[in-house]
Structure formats: structure tokens, C-alpha cells
Amino acid sequence: MSVKIDFDLAATLAIEGSSRGAPPTNAARRTSPFSLRLTEAERARLEREAGGAPLGAFIKAKALGDTKVRLRRTGLSIQDREALARVLALLGSSRLANNLNQLAYAANIGALPFTTEVESELRETLEDVREMRALLLQALGIKQEEKP
């Protein structure tokens, strides 16, 4: 059996939810989504009451009387999350990682002239990357590991 056939078979089985390829039971199938129109004030109230929980999960729990709702408390407002998402998207679309990889490759093959000026610029760049990492971790509410 070829790798492609193995992959296709595994993907098909994963989609169908069974190792034997049987279609999922009615209990495993999800129904179509339920749509609800809200005014801006109603949505804002629900978002405040949800307190960081996903809005859909909060509404479902409230409607069904469930007491447990998985919280996603980051301490970030929705505007902060949107700004953070934009920053991460820009960082991801930048060629920073690719450029650093090319510099490392050039250094490894001896094609990068390693002068004191280049060393200084690389150290500044490394410090900038460390600072960006620290700021992103702080924005996400993740504590940085302390170095010994």
C-alpha cells in the first residue's frame, strides 16, 4: 500500500469517526447551528456576563441550565484580543523567521562576513526578538520561565 493510499484511508476513517469506516451514529452527529439575532446592547450584556467564556458556550449553558462553562479568562478585552490577533498575524506574515534562518545558514557555510558590526546588529536583533516574545507572552497572560 502506498503512503498516499494510507493517508487517504486514515483521513477518510478520521472523518467518518470509526476505525472500520462505519458512518457515525446519530448521537455523534451534530445538528445544524442555531442562529440568534441580538441588538448591540444585548450582545454586549451577554459578553459581560460570559466573563471571558466563549459566547456560544455561555449562551448554550445558560439556555440549558448547565452550571459549568469552560472559561477562557485572559484578562483581555475583545478589542485587546483583536489587536493581539492582528499583531500575531503581522508577525506571522513577516519574513522574520525566514530571514533569521537564512542568516544562520549563511553563517554555517561561512558566507556571512562576521565583523564586529554584524555581531552587534545580530545581538540587537536577538534582544528585539526576546523583547517581542516577552511582550506577547505577557499579553497572553503566560508567565515567562525564569532562567537560573
Protein backbone atom coordinates (compact mmCIF):
# COMPACT_ATOMS: atom_id res chain seq x y z
CA MET A 1 0.00 0.00 0.00
CA SER A 2 1.42 3.42 -0.90
CA VAL A 3 1.79 6.30 1.52
CA LYS A 4 -0.89 8.27 -0.32
CA ILE A 5 -3.37 5.42 -0.05
CA ASP A 6 -2.53 5.00 3.66
CA PHE A 7 -3.01 8.72 4.21
CA ASP A 8 -6.29 8.84 2.27
CA LEU A 9 -7.63 5.84 4.16
CA ALA A 10 -6.65 7.32 7.53
CA ALA A 11 -8.20 10.67 6.62
CA THR A 12 -11.42 9.00 5.49
CA LEU A 13 -11.64 6.96 8.67
CA ALA A 14 -10.94 10.01 10.83
CA ILE A 15 -13.68 11.97 9.07
CA GLU A 16 -16.14 9.12 9.45
CA GLY A 17 -15.21 8.71 13.09
CA SER A 18 -14.59 4.97 13.06
CA SER A 19 -11.66 2.67 12.53
CA ARG A 20 -13.90 0.35 10.48
CA GLY A 21 -15.26 3.05 8.21
CA ALA A 22 -18.81 2.85 9.54
CA PRO A 23 -20.75 6.12 9.40
CA PRO A 24 -21.12 7.91 12.74
CA THR A 25 -24.21 7.23 14.81
CA ASN A 26 -26.97 9.81 15.16
CA ALA A 27 -25.70 10.63 18.63
CA ALA A 28 -22.25 11.50 17.24
CA ARG A 29 -23.62 13.79 14.54
CA ARG A 30 -24.01 17.44 15.37
CA THR A 31 -27.10 19.26 14.29
CA SER A 32 -27.05 22.44 12.29
CA PRO A 33 -26.23 25.65 14.16
CA PHE A 34 -28.95 27.75 15.75
CA SER A 35 -28.92 31.42 14.83
CA LEU A 36 -29.97 34.22 17.18
CA ARG A 37 -30.20 37.91 16.36
CA LEU A 38 -29.23 40.33 19.13
CA THR A 39 -29.03 44.07 19.42
CA GLU A 40 -25.61 45.52 20.15
CA ALA A 41 -26.67 46.18 23.74
CA GLU A 42 -27.93 42.61 24.20
CA ARG A 43 -24.72 41.16 22.83
CA ALA A 44 -22.59 43.46 24.99
CA ARG A 45 -24.58 42.37 28.07
CA LEU A 46 -24.08 38.69 27.23
CA GLU A 47 -20.36 39.22 26.66
CA ARG A 48 -20.05 40.93 30.06
CA GLU A 49 -21.98 38.12 31.74
CA ALA A 50 -19.90 35.48 29.95
CA GLY A 51 -16.81 36.95 31.61
CA GLY A 52 -14.31 35.56 29.14
CA ALA A 53 -16.10 32.32 28.29
CA PRO A 54 -16.81 31.67 24.62
CA LEU A 55 -20.11 33.40 23.90
CA GLY A 56 -21.70 30.40 22.16
CA ALA A 57 -20.83 28.07 25.06
CA PHE A 58 -22.14 30.62 27.58
CA ILE A 59 -25.47 31.04 25.77
CA LYS A 60 -25.84 27.26 25.41
CA ALA A 61 -25.10 26.71 29.11
CA LYS A 62 -27.49 29.47 30.12
CA ALA A 63 -30.28 28.18 27.88
CA LEU A 64 -29.88 24.57 29.03
CA GLY A 65 -29.35 25.41 32.69
CA ASP A 66 -25.81 24.00 32.82
CA THR A 67 -23.69 25.41 35.60
CA LYS A 68 -20.30 24.60 34.07
CA VAL A 69 -18.97 26.76 31.29
CA ARG A 70 -15.35 26.44 30.21
CA LEU A 71 -13.77 29.81 30.83
CA ARG A 72 -11.15 31.42 28.70
CA ARG A 73 -10.08 34.17 31.05
CA THR A 74 -7.08 36.00 29.75
CA GLY A 75 -7.93 39.37 31.21
CA LEU A 76 -8.04 40.76 27.71
CA SER A 77 -10.96 42.72 26.36
CA ILE A 78 -12.30 41.79 22.94
CA GLN A 79 -10.55 44.83 21.48
CA ASP A 80 -7.27 43.68 23.07
CA ARG A 81 -7.74 40.20 21.65
CA GLU A 82 -8.38 41.65 18.20
CA ALA A 83 -5.26 43.81 18.44
CA LEU A 84 -3.21 40.85 19.64
CA ALA A 85 -4.55 38.73 16.78
CA ARG A 86 -3.54 41.46 14.29
CA VAL A 87 -0.04 41.67 15.79
CA LEU A 88 0.37 37.91 15.64
CA ALA A 89 -0.90 37.86 12.04
CA LEU A 90 1.57 40.58 11.04
CA LEU A 91 4.39 38.78 12.81
CA GLY A 92 3.42 35.53 11.10
CA SER A 93 3.23 37.15 7.68
CA SER A 94 6.58 38.89 8.12
CA ARG A 95 9.62 37.13 6.79
CA LEU A 96 11.42 37.45 10.12
CA ALA A 97 11.80 33.72 10.77
CA ASN A 98 12.84 33.07 7.17
CA ASN A 99 15.39 35.89 7.26
CA LEU A 100 16.88 34.64 10.53
CA ASN A 101 17.10 31.15 9.06
CA GLN A 102 18.92 32.49 6.00
CA LEU A 103 21.37 34.35 8.24
CA ALA A 104 22.02 31.20 10.27
CA TYR A 105 22.57 29.20 7.07
CA ALA A 106 24.97 31.82 5.68
CA ALA A 107 26.88 31.81 8.97
CA ASN A 108 27.05 28.00 9.00
CA ILE A 109 28.51 27.77 5.48
CA GLY A 110 30.91 30.63 6.11
CA ALA A 111 29.28 33.05 3.66
CA LEU A 112 28.36 35.63 6.31
CA PRO A 113 31.16 38.11 6.95
CA PHE A 114 31.30 38.16 10.74
CA THR A 115 32.54 41.62 11.64
CA THR A 116 32.04 43.39 14.96
CA GLU A 117 29.33 45.48 13.29
CA VAL A 118 27.43 42.34 12.13
CA GLU A 119 27.82 40.80 15.57
CA SER A 120 26.45 43.96 17.20
CA GLU A 121 23.45 44.05 14.84
CA LEU A 122 22.72 40.36 15.44
CA ARG A 123 22.85 40.86 19.22
CA GLU A 124 20.45 43.84 18.96
CA THR A 125 18.11 41.79 16.76
CA LEU A 126 18.21 38.89 19.22
CA GLU A 127 17.33 41.26 22.05
CA ASP A 128 14.44 42.69 20.00
CA VAL A 129 13.09 39.19 19.35
CA ARG A 130 13.38 38.35 23.06
CA GLU A 131 11.50 41.54 23.94
CA MET A 132 8.74 40.77 21.41
CA ARG A 133 8.42 37.29 22.87
CA ALA A 134 8.18 38.65 26.40
CA LEU A 135 5.54 41.21 25.42
CA LEU A 136 3.45 38.61 23.57
CA LEU A 137 3.65 36.19 26.49
CA GLN A 138 2.63 38.98 28.86
CA ALA A 139 -0.29 39.95 26.60
CA LEU A 140 -1.43 36.33 26.51
CA GLY A 141 -1.20 36.06 30.29
CA ILE A 142 1.52 33.41 30.14
CA LYS A 143 4.23 33.62 32.76
CA GLN A 144 7.77 33.53 31.43
CA GLU A 145 10.08 30.83 32.69
CA GLU A 146 12.81 32.30 34.82
CA LYS A 147 16.34 31.42 33.78
CA PRO A 148 18.66 30.13 36.52
